[in-house]
Amino acid sequence: MALEPVSTQNEAVLKALLAGGKVLLSNLFGESARETAARRVRTINAKAVENFQERGLQTLHVAWGMATWNNTNSEATPAAPVLLRPINLKPKNSAGEDFEVELTEEWETNPSLLHMLKTE
């Protein structure tokens, strides 16, 4: 599940996040898009918590870049993120109306994409 990017109201906020700082979701998406972004983030975060608790999988990442290629077995165009970086999302209140966003660890090349490239 993905949260589509929107133009950032404040480029300094995005730079702070990419530098490893904690930022508010509302500052990344702007007040007009905050409600929609928070709703999507609540869903994404809940699924990530479920994946970790039930399967031990860390699935909450920010993606940078998208690779696409022609698939001779299907009409659909496959796509996969190129770089991934783990992210923490912390609700600012019990209703999850805003979130503190923090990138953790370092960027890595998508292991699923690398596997596909090696096997194809």
C-alpha atoms as a PDB file:
ATOM      1  CA  MET A   1       0.000   0.000   0.000  1.00  0.00           C
ATOM      2  CA  ALA A   2       1.357   3.409  -0.881  1.00  0.00           C
ATOM      3  CA  LEU A   3       0.824   7.020  -0.022  1.00  0.00           C
ATOM      4  CA  GLU A   4       1.277   9.040  -3.169  1.00  0.00           C
ATOM      5  CA  PRO A   5       3.559  12.051  -2.867  1.00  0.00           C
ATOM      6  CA  VAL A   6       2.177  15.541  -3.091  1.00  0.00           C
ATOM      7  CA  SER A   7       4.105  18.712  -3.637  1.00  0.00           C
ATOM      8  CA  THR A   8       5.676  19.744  -0.377  1.00  0.00           C
ATOM      9  CA  GLN A   9       4.666  23.122   0.936  1.00  0.00           C
ATOM     10  CA  ASN A  10       7.982  23.520   2.679  1.00  0.00           C
ATOM     11  CA  GLU A  11      11.096  22.122   1.003  1.00  0.00           C
ATOM     12  CA  ALA A  12      13.044  22.596   4.250  1.00  0.00           C
ATOM     13  CA  VAL A  13      10.757  20.041   5.959  1.00  0.00           C
ATOM     14  CA  LEU A  14      11.515  17.426   3.314  1.00  0.00           C
ATOM     15  CA  LYS A  15      15.248  18.162   3.587  1.00  0.00           C
ATOM     16  CA  ALA A  16      15.053  17.790   7.383  1.00  0.00           C
ATOM     17  CA  LEU A  17      13.322  14.415   7.012  1.00  0.00           C
ATOM     18  CA  LEU A  18      15.871  13.147   4.481  1.00  0.00           C
ATOM     19  CA  ALA A  19      18.678  14.301   6.784  1.00  0.00           C
ATOM     20  CA  GLY A  20      17.308  12.061   9.558  1.00  0.00           C
ATOM     21  CA  GLY A  21      15.147  14.535  11.448  1.00  0.00           C
ATOM     22  CA  LYS A  22      11.654  14.026  12.830  1.00  0.00           C
ATOM     23  CA  VAL A  23       8.924  15.987  11.034  1.00  0.00           C
ATOM     24  CA  LEU A  24       5.152  16.173  11.212  1.00  0.00           C
ATOM     25  CA  LEU A  25       3.111  14.601   8.446  1.00  0.00           C
ATOM     26  CA  SER A  26       1.014  17.779   8.273  1.00  0.00           C
ATOM     27  CA  ASN A  27       4.170  19.781   7.519  1.00  0.00           C
ATOM     28  CA  LEU A  28       5.101  17.397   4.703  1.00  0.00           C
ATOM     29  CA  PHE A  29       1.711  17.400   3.000  1.00  0.00           C
ATOM     30  CA  GLY A  30       0.342  20.778   4.033  1.00  0.00           C
ATOM     31  CA  GLU A  31      -2.785  21.461   6.051  1.00  0.00           C
ATOM     32  CA  SER A  32      -5.157  21.017   3.103  1.00  0.00           C
ATOM     33  CA  ALA A  33      -3.965  17.431   2.459  1.00  0.00           C
ATOM     34  CA  ARG A  34      -3.289  16.521   6.109  1.00  0.00           C
ATOM     35  CA  GLU A  35      -6.590  14.749   6.736  1.00  0.00           C
ATOM     36  CA  THR A  36      -6.317  12.534   3.658  1.00  0.00           C
ATOM     37  CA  ALA A  37      -2.636  11.798   4.314  1.00  0.00           C
ATOM     38  CA  ALA A  38      -3.310  10.968   7.994  1.00  0.00           C
ATOM     39  CA  ARG A  39      -6.121   8.591   7.042  1.00  0.00           C
ATOM     40  CA  ARG A  40      -3.859   6.759   4.576  1.00  0.00           C
ATOM     41  CA  VAL A  41      -0.956   6.688   7.059  1.00  0.00           C
ATOM     42  CA  ARG A  42      -3.200   5.196   9.779  1.00  0.00           C
ATOM     43  CA  THR A  43      -4.073   2.345   7.375  1.00  0.00           C
ATOM     44  CA  ILE A  44      -0.484   1.850   6.204  1.00  0.00           C
ATOM     45  CA  ASN A  45       0.871   1.915   9.769  1.00  0.00           C
ATOM     46  CA  ALA A  46      -1.758  -0.565  11.013  1.00  0.00           C
ATOM     47  CA  LYS A  47      -0.838  -3.023   8.246  1.00  0.00           C
ATOM     48  CA  ALA A  48       2.883  -2.620   9.001  1.00  0.00           C
ATOM     49  CA  VAL A  49       2.282  -3.316  12.713  1.00  0.00           C
ATOM     50  CA  GLU A  50       0.224  -6.393  11.784  1.00  0.00           C
ATOM     51  CA  ASN A  51       2.964  -7.658   9.441  1.00  0.00           C
ATOM     52  CA  PHE A  52       5.575  -7.265  12.170  1.00  0.00           C
ATOM     53  CA  GLN A  53       3.520  -8.781  14.995  1.00  0.00           C
ATOM     54  CA  GLU A  54       2.139 -11.722  13.019  1.00  0.00           C
ATOM     55  CA  ARG A  55       4.972 -12.453  10.588  1.00  0.00           C
ATOM     56  CA  GLY A  56       8.057 -10.702  11.926  1.00  0.00           C
ATOM     57  CA  LEU A  57       8.312  -8.651   8.717  1.00  0.00           C
ATOM     58  CA  GLN A  58       9.433  -5.018   8.618  1.00  0.00           C
ATOM     59  CA  THR A  59       7.305  -3.631   5.777  1.00  0.00           C
ATOM     60  CA  LEU A  60       7.155   0.096   6.551  1.00  0.00           C
ATOM     61  CA  HIS A  61       9.503   1.889   4.153  1.00  0.00           C
ATOM     62  CA  VAL A  62       9.821   5.047   2.133  1.00  0.00           C
ATOM     63  CA  ALA A  63      10.561   4.386  -1.532  1.00  0.00           C
ATOM     64  CA  TRP A  64      12.656   6.536  -3.851  1.00  0.00           C
ATOM     65  CA  GLY A  65      12.443   6.004  -7.591  1.00  0.00           C
ATOM     66  CA  MET A  66      10.358   3.508  -9.510  1.00  0.00           C
ATOM     67  CA  ALA A  67      11.667   0.964 -12.014  1.00  0.00           C
ATOM     68  CA  THR A  68       9.375  -0.308 -14.763  1.00  0.00           C
ATOM     69  CA  TRP A  69       9.999  -2.856 -17.493  1.00  0.00           C
ATOM     70  CA  ASN A  70       8.209  -4.767 -20.233  1.00  0.00           C
ATOM     71  CA  ASN A  71       6.702  -8.065 -19.191  1.00  0.00           C
ATOM     72  CA  THR A  72       6.265 -10.572 -22.003  1.00  0.00           C
ATOM     73  CA  ASN A  73       3.983 -12.748 -19.826  1.00  0.00           C
ATOM     74  CA  SER A  74       1.349 -10.089 -19.158  1.00  0.00           C
ATOM     75  CA  GLU A  75      -0.116  -6.885 -20.526  1.00  0.00           C
ATOM     76  CA  ALA A  76       0.406  -5.165 -17.170  1.00  0.00           C
ATOM     77  CA  THR A  77       3.539  -3.063 -16.783  1.00  0.00           C
ATOM     78  CA  PRO A  78       5.442  -4.199 -13.692  1.00  0.00           C
ATOM     79  CA  ALA A  79       6.869  -1.577 -11.349  1.00  0.00           C
ATOM     80  CA  ALA A  80       9.049  -1.739  -8.241  1.00  0.00           C
ATOM     81  CA  PRO A  81      10.642   0.867  -5.991  1.00  0.00           C
ATOM     82  CA  VAL A  82      14.401   1.207  -6.500  1.00  0.00           C
ATOM     83  CA  LEU A  83      15.544   2.446  -3.075  1.00  0.00           C
ATOM     84  CA  LEU A  84      13.929   1.703   0.287  1.00  0.00           C
ATOM     85  CA  ARG A  85      14.477   3.202   3.714  1.00  0.00           C
ATOM     86  CA  PRO A  86      12.719   2.106   6.924  1.00  0.00           C
ATOM     87  CA  ILE A  87      10.458   4.693   8.520  1.00  0.00           C
ATOM     88  CA  ASN A  88       8.848   5.202  11.924  1.00  0.00           C
ATOM     89  CA  LEU A  89       5.368   6.679  12.189  1.00  0.00           C
ATOM     90  CA  LYS A  90       4.255   7.848  15.636  1.00  0.00           C
ATOM     91  CA  PRO A  91       0.711   9.188  16.105  1.00  0.00           C
ATOM     92  CA  LYS A  92       0.659  12.592  17.798  1.00  0.00           C
ATOM     93  CA  ASN A  93      -2.653  11.809  19.543  1.00  0.00           C
ATOM     94  CA  SER A  94      -5.011   8.880  20.079  1.00  0.00           C
ATOM     95  CA  ALA A  95      -7.091   9.782  17.006  1.00  0.00           C
ATOM     96  CA  GLY A  96      -4.033   9.698  14.717  1.00  0.00           C
ATOM     97  CA  GLU A  97      -4.847  13.073  13.208  1.00  0.00           C
ATOM     98  CA  ASP A  98      -1.160  13.792  12.654  1.00  0.00           C
ATOM     99  CA  PHE A  99       2.004  11.710  12.793  1.00  0.00           C
ATOM    100  CA  GLU A 100       5.632  12.240  13.643  1.00  0.00           C
ATOM    101  CA  VAL A 101       7.636  10.863  10.700  1.00  0.00           C
ATOM    102  CA  GLU A 102      11.234   9.712  11.035  1.00  0.00           C
ATOM    103  CA  LEU A 103      13.442   7.846   8.588  1.00  0.00           C
ATOM    104  CA  THR A 104      15.576   5.163  10.228  1.00  0.00           C
ATOM    105  CA  GLU A 105      18.632   3.229   9.083  1.00  0.00           C
ATOM    106  CA  GLU A 106      20.071   3.847   5.608  1.00  0.00           C
ATOM    107  CA  TRP A 107      18.805   3.620   2.039  1.00  0.00           C
ATOM    108  CA  GLU A 108      19.088   0.166   0.469  1.00  0.00           C
ATOM    109  CA  THR A 109      18.438  -1.142  -3.004  1.00  0.00           C
ATOM    110  CA  ASN A 110      15.131  -3.010  -3.089  1.00  0.00           C
ATOM    111  CA  PRO A 111      16.101  -6.678  -2.520  1.00  0.00           C
ATOM    112  CA  SER A 112      13.036  -7.924  -4.446  1.00  0.00           C
ATOM    113  CA  LEU A 113      14.024  -5.821  -7.450  1.00  0.00           C
ATOM    114  CA  LEU A 114      17.607  -7.114  -7.260  1.00  0.00           C
ATOM    115  CA  HIS A 115      16.319 -10.694  -7.102  1.00  0.00           C
ATOM    116  CA  MET A 116      14.126 -10.135 -10.156  1.00  0.00           C
ATOM    117  CA  LEU A 117      17.036  -8.619 -12.078  1.00  0.00           C
ATOM    118  CA  LYS A 118      19.288 -11.591 -11.246  1.00  0.00           C
ATOM    119  CA  THR A 119      16.717 -14.202 -12.208  1.00  0.00           C
ATOM    120  CA  GLU A 120      15.324 -12.594 -15.369  1.00  0.00           C
END
